[in-house]
Protein backbone atom coordinates (compact mmCIF):
# COMPACT_ATOMS: atom_id res chain seq x y z
CA MET A 1 97.76 83.15 89.37
CA ASP A 2 95.44 81.53 92.58
CA THR A 3 95.90 83.46 95.86
CA LYS A 4 95.84 79.63 97.51
CA LEU A 5 99.93 80.59 97.82
CA LEU A 6 99.53 83.36 100.12
CA GLY A 7 97.73 81.02 102.75
CA ASP A 8 101.23 79.89 103.66
CA PRO A 9 102.47 82.41 106.04
CA GLY A 10 106.53 81.05 104.64
CA ARG A 11 105.90 82.35 101.35
CA ARG A 12 104.14 85.94 101.88
CA VAL A 13 104.56 89.31 102.93
CA VAL A 14 100.50 90.82 103.95
CA GLY A 15 100.63 94.83 103.93
CA ALA A 16 101.94 98.11 101.62
CA LYS A 17 105.52 98.14 104.07
CA GLN A 18 106.38 94.24 104.23
CA THR A 19 105.28 93.93 100.37
CA VAL A 20 107.73 97.31 99.59
CA LYS A 21 110.47 96.05 101.47
CA ALA A 22 110.12 92.68 100.23
CA LEU A 23 109.98 94.06 96.39
CA ASN A 24 113.47 96.21 97.29
CA LYS A 25 115.60 93.18 98.04
CA ASP A 26 114.18 91.92 95.01
CA GLN A 27 112.36 88.89 96.73
CA VAL A 28 109.00 89.39 95.30
CA GLN A 29 107.60 87.10 92.83
CA THR A 30 103.22 88.31 92.28
CA VAL A 31 101.92 90.92 94.10
CA PHE A 32 98.51 91.27 94.94
CA VAL A 33 96.34 94.37 95.40
CA ALA A 34 92.74 95.18 96.43
CA GLU A 35 90.78 97.12 93.99
CA ASP A 36 89.04 98.72 96.72
CA ALA A 37 91.80 99.71 99.01
CA ASP A 38 93.17 103.53 98.42
CA LEU A 39 95.33 104.18 95.44
CA ARG A 40 98.08 106.42 97.88
CA VAL A 41 99.02 103.15 99.49
CA THR A 42 98.64 101.20 96.65
CA GLY A 43 99.97 103.60 93.97
CA PRO A 44 103.25 103.59 94.84
CA ILE A 45 103.28 99.32 95.05
CA ILE A 46 101.93 99.62 91.32
CA ALA A 47 104.92 101.97 90.08
CA LYS A 48 107.21 99.82 91.92
CA CYS A 49 105.94 96.40 90.32
CA LYS A 50 105.81 97.75 86.75
CA GLU A 51 109.46 99.33 86.79
CA LYS A 52 110.54 95.54 89.06
CA GLY A 53 108.82 93.36 86.42
CA VAL A 54 107.33 92.14 88.85
CA GLU A 55 103.42 90.56 88.14
CA LEU A 56 100.80 92.21 89.71
CA VAL A 57 96.91 90.98 90.27
CA LYS A 58 93.86 92.59 90.83
CA VAL A 59 91.84 91.47 93.87
CA PRO A 60 88.47 92.67 94.34
CA THR A 61 87.91 93.59 97.80
CA MET A 62 90.77 93.82 100.98
CA SER A 63 88.41 91.09 102.39
CA GLU A 64 88.76 88.99 99.72
CA LEU A 65 92.56 89.54 99.69
CA GLY A 66 92.83 89.19 103.72
CA ALA A 67 90.33 86.37 103.95
CA ALA A 68 92.51 84.80 100.59
CA CYS A 69 95.96 85.46 103.48
CA SER A 70 93.93 83.91 106.39
CA ILE A 71 93.59 86.82 108.06
CA GLN A 72 91.04 88.22 110.71
CA VAL A 73 91.19 91.38 108.50
CA GLY A 74 91.23 93.26 104.77
CA ALA A 75 94.42 93.33 103.55
CA ALA A 76 95.04 96.34 100.57
CA VAL A 77 98.54 94.30 99.69
CA ALA A 78 100.01 91.42 99.58
CA ALA A 79 102.74 89.38 98.10
CA ILE A 80 103.74 85.68 97.40
CA LEU A 81 107.84 85.68 97.92
CA LYS A 82 110.38 83.90 95.53
CA ASP A 83 111.59 80.45 96.51
CA SER A 84 114.44 80.87 98.45
């Protein structure tokens, strides 16, 4: 899955809390998780993706994921939302 869609603020959410909210509302198409993020943050999200059958993509670093989301800081988790 291409990370280019993460640059569109209308199609994505960034951060663990926002991703969990969107997962709970069945609004997520794909979740991106940084491999260097704390497992206490990403573990529950990975489990929720498996439970709901949501595509999970691993990104090597938080800084790479943050850059893909067009933000100045690293991100542990981001998600592309389903088309409305």
